[in-house]
Amino acid sequence: MAEPNLIYKITILELLHRSGFPLSNSQITDFFLEGNLTDYFTAQQAISDDEEAGFILSQTNHNNTLYSITDDGEMTLDLFKKKITPAISKDINKYLKANSITMKEENSYKATFFRADRGGYVVQLKIMENDVPTMDISFHVATKEQAETLCNNWKVKSDEVYGSIMDILMT
């Protein structure tokens, strides 16, 4: 039974390698679920195993965790790449072709907050394009609830905020 679990772990590495950018937990899991390759819990276990082994690296921002492949993950993928069947390889290509633009957009809006040394919270909001910040702003707010609200609204309203700031500063 270890063979399918190994294939799931290697498939995650291949998916991250081919995407060329970090993927969220839900994006990786969706690949497995949409292709009926395995169930949610098995996919989560494979992600966890890859992270624990140091093959993938997680970065959490507010309520979103993004994964990227590490150098050790790349070396492991090279060793076990033959375990990925042509059907799985085709599924990866199909999934990335259908979803890469949407996935990249979803991952380009970053919102996080942390407790400030002198009280309150610092909220950091970013729009990234090809790993370059298009917009990067920080706010100091009094409460955790305010920080959470700003972070939660960022994905929905960031384009509007960006446009408003540009309009104000360009006139």
C-alpha atoms as a PDB file:
ATOM      1  CA  MET A   1       0.000   0.000   0.000  1.00  0.00           C
ATOM      2  CA  ALA A   2       3.012   2.283   0.300  1.00  0.00           C
ATOM      3  CA  GLU A   3       3.262   2.582  -3.489  1.00  0.00           C
ATOM      4  CA  PRO A   4       0.138   4.778  -3.997  1.00  0.00           C
ATOM      5  CA  ASN A   5       1.218   7.068  -1.138  1.00  0.00           C
ATOM      6  CA  LEU A   6       4.662   7.443  -2.715  1.00  0.00           C
ATOM      7  CA  ILE A   7       3.044   8.315  -6.026  1.00  0.00           C
ATOM      8  CA  TYR A   8       0.862  10.974  -4.379  1.00  0.00           C
ATOM      9  CA  LYS A   9       3.917  12.558  -2.746  1.00  0.00           C
ATOM     10  CA  ILE A  10       5.896  12.531  -5.999  1.00  0.00           C
ATOM     11  CA  THR A  11       2.869  13.881  -7.881  1.00  0.00           C
ATOM     12  CA  ILE A  12       2.750  16.870  -5.519  1.00  0.00           C
ATOM     13  CA  LEU A  13       6.417  17.562  -6.236  1.00  0.00           C
ATOM     14  CA  GLU A  14       5.820  17.329  -9.976  1.00  0.00           C
ATOM     15  CA  LEU A  15       2.779  19.593  -9.758  1.00  0.00           C
ATOM     16  CA  LEU A  16       4.772  22.243  -7.867  1.00  0.00           C
ATOM     17  CA  HIS A  17       7.744  21.846 -10.200  1.00  0.00           C
ATOM     18  CA  ARG A  18       5.677  22.270 -13.369  1.00  0.00           C
ATOM     19  CA  SER A  19       3.557  25.132 -12.053  1.00  0.00           C
ATOM     20  CA  GLY A  20       6.594  27.375 -11.649  1.00  0.00           C
ATOM     21  CA  PHE A  21       4.984  29.202  -8.716  1.00  0.00           C
ATOM     22  CA  PRO A  22       3.755  28.304  -5.226  1.00  0.00           C
ATOM     23  CA  LEU A  23       0.389  26.574  -4.940  1.00  0.00           C
ATOM     24  CA  SER A  24      -2.096  26.723  -2.096  1.00  0.00           C
ATOM     25  CA  ASN A  25      -3.198  23.726  -0.106  1.00  0.00           C
ATOM     26  CA  SER A  26      -6.612  23.861  -1.765  1.00  0.00           C
ATOM     27  CA  GLN A  27      -5.096  24.073  -5.265  1.00  0.00           C
ATOM     28  CA  ILE A  28      -2.993  20.965  -4.670  1.00  0.00           C
ATOM     29  CA  THR A  29      -5.903  19.132  -3.079  1.00  0.00           C
ATOM     30  CA  ASP A  30      -8.241  20.150  -5.922  1.00  0.00           C
ATOM     31  CA  PHE A  31      -5.908  18.476  -8.403  1.00  0.00           C
ATOM     32  CA  PHE A  32      -6.321  15.143  -6.614  1.00  0.00           C
ATOM     33  CA  LEU A  33     -10.061  15.527  -6.052  1.00  0.00           C
ATOM     34  CA  GLU A  34     -10.958  16.765  -9.547  1.00  0.00           C
ATOM     35  CA  GLY A  35      -9.031  13.906 -11.097  1.00  0.00           C
ATOM     36  CA  ASN A  36     -10.556  11.375  -8.680  1.00  0.00           C
ATOM     37  CA  LEU A  37      -7.009  10.290  -7.820  1.00  0.00           C
ATOM     38  CA  THR A  38      -7.571  10.047  -4.065  1.00  0.00           C
ATOM     39  CA  ASP A  39      -9.633  11.460  -1.225  1.00  0.00           C
ATOM     40  CA  TYR A  40      -9.110  14.718   0.694  1.00  0.00           C
ATOM     41  CA  PHE A  41      -7.501  13.133   3.754  1.00  0.00           C
ATOM     42  CA  THR A  42      -4.973  11.122   1.766  1.00  0.00           C
ATOM     43  CA  ALA A  43      -4.008  14.243  -0.220  1.00  0.00           C
ATOM     44  CA  GLN A  44      -3.570  16.180   3.029  1.00  0.00           C
ATOM     45  CA  GLN A  45      -1.397  13.404   4.445  1.00  0.00           C
ATOM     46  CA  ALA A  46       0.792  13.415   1.317  1.00  0.00           C
ATOM     47  CA  ILE A  47       1.230  17.200   1.561  1.00  0.00           C
ATOM     48  CA  SER A  48       2.113  16.873   5.233  1.00  0.00           C
ATOM     49  CA  ASP A  49       4.577  14.043   4.550  1.00  0.00           C
ATOM     50  CA  ASP A  50       6.310  16.040   1.788  1.00  0.00           C
ATOM     51  CA  GLU A  51       6.605  19.050   4.091  1.00  0.00           C
ATOM     52  CA  GLU A  52       7.866  16.984   7.018  1.00  0.00           C
ATOM     53  CA  ALA A  53      10.509  15.404   4.765  1.00  0.00           C
ATOM     54  CA  GLY A  54      11.673  18.855   3.647  1.00  0.00           C
ATOM     55  CA  PHE A  55      10.592  18.341   0.033  1.00  0.00           C
ATOM     56  CA  ILE A  56       8.163  21.255   0.078  1.00  0.00           C
ATOM     57  CA  LEU A  57       8.152  24.490   2.024  1.00  0.00           C
ATOM     58  CA  SER A  58       5.025  26.172   3.348  1.00  0.00           C
ATOM     59  CA  GLN A  59       4.452  29.873   3.818  1.00  0.00           C
ATOM     60  CA  THR A  60       1.301  30.959   5.604  1.00  0.00           C
ATOM     61  CA  ASN A  61      -0.302  34.362   5.126  1.00  0.00           C
ATOM     62  CA  HIS A  62      -3.343  35.076   7.289  1.00  0.00           C
ATOM     63  CA  ASN A  63      -5.651  32.283   6.162  1.00  0.00           C
ATOM     64  CA  ASN A  64      -3.783  30.848   3.174  1.00  0.00           C
ATOM     65  CA  THR A  65      -0.844  28.457   3.022  1.00  0.00           C
ATOM     66  CA  LEU A  66       1.283  28.348  -0.109  1.00  0.00           C
ATOM     67  CA  TYR A  67       3.685  25.500  -0.902  1.00  0.00           C
ATOM     68  CA  SER A  68       6.804  25.531  -3.042  1.00  0.00           C
ATOM     69  CA  ILE A  69       9.219  22.761  -3.904  1.00  0.00           C
ATOM     70  CA  THR A  70      12.629  22.784  -2.185  1.00  0.00           C
ATOM     71  CA  ASP A  71      15.997  21.786  -3.633  1.00  0.00           C
ATOM     72  CA  ASP A  72      15.684  18.459  -1.789  1.00  0.00           C
ATOM     73  CA  GLY A  73      12.237  18.066  -3.339  1.00  0.00           C
ATOM     74  CA  GLU A  74      13.680  18.684  -6.818  1.00  0.00           C
ATOM     75  CA  MET A  75      16.390  16.048  -6.227  1.00  0.00           C
ATOM     76  CA  THR A  76      13.813  13.573  -4.930  1.00  0.00           C
ATOM     77  CA  LEU A  77      11.592  14.261  -7.925  1.00  0.00           C
ATOM     78  CA  ASP A  78      14.506  13.520 -10.257  1.00  0.00           C
ATOM     79  CA  LEU A  79      15.057  10.172  -8.523  1.00  0.00           C
ATOM     80  CA  PHE A  80      11.404   9.075  -8.544  1.00  0.00           C
ATOM     81  CA  LYS A  81       9.994  10.858 -11.601  1.00  0.00           C
ATOM     82  CA  LYS A  82       9.537   7.534 -13.413  1.00  0.00           C
ATOM     83  CA  LYS A  83       6.868   6.606 -10.842  1.00  0.00           C
ATOM     84  CA  ILE A  84       4.563   9.213 -12.409  1.00  0.00           C
ATOM     85  CA  THR A  85       2.508   7.437 -15.030  1.00  0.00           C
ATOM     86  CA  PRO A  86       1.802   9.004 -18.434  1.00  0.00           C
ATOM     87  CA  ALA A  87      -1.861   9.342 -17.333  1.00  0.00           C
ATOM     88  CA  ILE A  88      -0.923  11.339 -14.224  1.00  0.00           C
ATOM     89  CA  SER A  89       1.493  13.443 -16.260  1.00  0.00           C
ATOM     90  CA  LYS A  90      -1.320  14.195 -18.704  1.00  0.00           C
ATOM     91  CA  ASP A  91      -3.647  15.064 -15.789  1.00  0.00           C
ATOM     92  CA  ILE A  92      -1.050  17.505 -14.404  1.00  0.00           C
ATOM     93  CA  ASN A  93      -0.692  19.190 -17.797  1.00  0.00           C
ATOM     94  CA  LYS A  94      -4.455  19.421 -18.220  1.00  0.00           C
ATOM     95  CA  TYR A  95      -4.979  20.798 -14.696  1.00  0.00           C
ATOM     96  CA  LEU A  96      -2.248  23.435 -15.013  1.00  0.00           C
ATOM     97  CA  LYS A  97      -3.401  24.477 -18.474  1.00  0.00           C
ATOM     98  CA  ALA A  98      -6.968  24.919 -17.275  1.00  0.00           C
ATOM     99  CA  ASN A  99      -6.166  26.591 -13.960  1.00  0.00           C
ATOM    100  CA  SER A 100      -2.725  28.235 -13.978  1.00  0.00           C
ATOM    101  CA  ILE A 101      -3.915  31.776 -14.723  1.00  0.00           C
ATOM    102  CA  THR A 102      -6.598  31.613 -12.037  1.00  0.00           C
ATOM    103  CA  MET A 103      -4.220  29.995  -9.550  1.00  0.00           C
ATOM    104  CA  LYS A 104      -1.535  32.605 -10.172  1.00  0.00           C
ATOM    105  CA  GLU A 105      -4.070  35.401  -9.667  1.00  0.00           C
ATOM    106  CA  GLU A 106      -5.381  33.830  -6.462  1.00  0.00           C
ATOM    107  CA  ASN A 107      -1.864  33.616  -5.073  1.00  0.00           C
ATOM    108  CA  SER A 108      -0.844  37.135  -6.072  1.00  0.00           C
ATOM    109  CA  TYR A 109      -2.937  38.831  -3.359  1.00  0.00           C
ATOM    110  CA  LYS A 110      -1.234  38.523   0.004  1.00  0.00           C
ATOM    111  CA  ALA A 111      -2.659  39.687   3.313  1.00  0.00           C
ATOM    112  CA  THR A 112      -1.163  39.095   6.723  1.00  0.00           C
ATOM    113  CA  PHE A 113      -1.011  40.718  10.135  1.00  0.00           C
ATOM    114  CA  PHE A 114       1.013  40.482  13.304  1.00  0.00           C
ATOM    115  CA  ARG A 115       0.977  41.992  16.763  1.00  0.00           C
ATOM    116  CA  ALA A 116       2.874  45.284  16.966  1.00  0.00           C
ATOM    117  CA  ASP A 117       5.509  45.812  19.667  1.00  0.00           C
ATOM    118  CA  ARG A 118       3.722  48.839  21.105  1.00  0.00           C
ATOM    119  CA  GLY A 119       0.200  47.481  20.919  1.00  0.00           C
ATOM    120  CA  GLY A 120      -2.286  46.948  18.157  1.00  0.00           C
ATOM    121  CA  TYR A 121      -1.571  45.077  14.942  1.00  0.00           C
ATOM    122  CA  VAL A 122       0.347  45.718  11.749  1.00  0.00           C
ATOM    123  CA  VAL A 123      -1.481  44.628   8.604  1.00  0.00           C
ATOM    124  CA  GLN A 124       0.549  44.010   5.441  1.00  0.00           C
ATOM    125  CA  LEU A 125      -1.298  43.925   2.122  1.00  0.00           C
ATOM    126  CA  LYS A 126       0.394  43.110  -1.191  1.00  0.00           C
ATOM    127  CA  ILE A 127      -0.359  42.558  -4.828  1.00  0.00           C
ATOM    128  CA  MET A 128       2.389  40.496  -6.437  1.00  0.00           C
ATOM    129  CA  GLU A 129       3.043  40.059 -10.138  1.00  0.00           C
ATOM    130  CA  ASN A 130       5.762  37.593 -11.136  1.00  0.00           C
ATOM    131  CA  ASP A 131       7.194  37.761  -7.596  1.00  0.00           C
ATOM    132  CA  VAL A 132       7.481  41.563  -7.864  1.00  0.00           C
ATOM    133  CA  PRO A 133       5.261  43.712  -5.632  1.00  0.00           C
ATOM    134  CA  THR A 134       2.860  45.841  -7.658  1.00  0.00           C
ATOM    135  CA  MET A 135       1.510  47.286  -4.425  1.00  0.00           C
ATOM    136  CA  ASP A 136       2.762  46.842  -0.878  1.00  0.00           C
ATOM    137  CA  ILE A 137       1.087  48.757   1.931  1.00  0.00           C
ATOM    138  CA  SER A 138       1.002  48.418   5.696  1.00  0.00           C
ATOM    139  CA  PHE A 139      -1.439  49.732   8.270  1.00  0.00           C
ATOM    140  CA  HIS A 140      -1.387  49.938  12.028  1.00  0.00           C
ATOM    141  CA  VAL A 141      -4.785  49.114  13.535  1.00  0.00           C
ATOM    142  CA  ALA A 142      -5.979  48.916  17.110  1.00  0.00           C
ATOM    143  CA  THR A 143      -7.692  45.541  17.215  1.00  0.00           C
ATOM    144  CA  LYS A 144      -7.293  42.023  15.893  1.00  0.00           C
ATOM    145  CA  GLU A 145     -10.821  42.236  14.470  1.00  0.00           C
ATOM    146  CA  GLN A 146      -9.814  45.259  12.357  1.00  0.00           C
ATOM    147  CA  ALA A 147      -6.719  43.429  11.142  1.00  0.00           C
ATOM    148  CA  GLU A 148      -8.766  40.369  10.186  1.00  0.00           C
ATOM    149  CA  THR A 149     -11.347  42.493   8.373  1.00  0.00           C
ATOM    150  CA  LEU A 150      -8.661  44.245   6.301  1.00  0.00           C
ATOM    151  CA  CYS A 151      -7.063  40.909   5.394  1.00  0.00           C
ATOM    152  CA  ASN A 152     -10.380  39.272   4.531  1.00  0.00           C
ATOM    153  CA  ASN A 153     -11.462  42.160   2.303  1.00  0.00           C
ATOM    154  CA  TRP A 154      -8.117  42.531   0.513  1.00  0.00           C
ATOM    155  CA  LYS A 155      -8.651  39.922  -2.240  1.00  0.00           C
ATOM    156  CA  VAL A 156     -12.061  41.331  -3.073  1.00  0.00           C
ATOM    157  CA  LYS A 157     -11.214  45.031  -2.959  1.00  0.00           C
ATOM    158  CA  SER A 158      -7.496  45.217  -3.786  1.00  0.00           C
ATOM    159  CA  ASP A 159      -7.999  46.173  -7.437  1.00  0.00           C
ATOM    160  CA  GLU A 160     -10.365  48.959  -6.402  1.00  0.00           C
ATOM    161  CA  VAL A 161      -7.894  50.180  -3.746  1.00  0.00           C
ATOM    162  CA  TYR A 162      -5.012  50.081  -6.233  1.00  0.00           C
ATOM    163  CA  GLY A 163      -7.025  52.025  -8.830  1.00  0.00           C
ATOM    164  CA  SER A 164      -8.115  54.641  -6.293  1.00  0.00           C
ATOM    165  CA  ILE A 165      -4.586  55.206  -5.005  1.00  0.00           C
ATOM    166  CA  MET A 166      -3.212  55.492  -8.528  1.00  0.00           C
ATOM    167  CA  ASP A 167      -5.949  57.964  -9.479  1.00  0.00           C
ATOM    168  CA  ILE A 168      -5.290  60.098  -6.409  1.00  0.00           C
ATOM    169  CA  LEU A 169      -1.508  60.106  -6.818  1.00  0.00           C
ATOM    170  CA  MET A 170      -1.484  60.637 -10.581  1.00  0.00           C
ATOM    171  CA  THR A 171      -3.651  63.779 -10.526  1.00  0.00           C
END
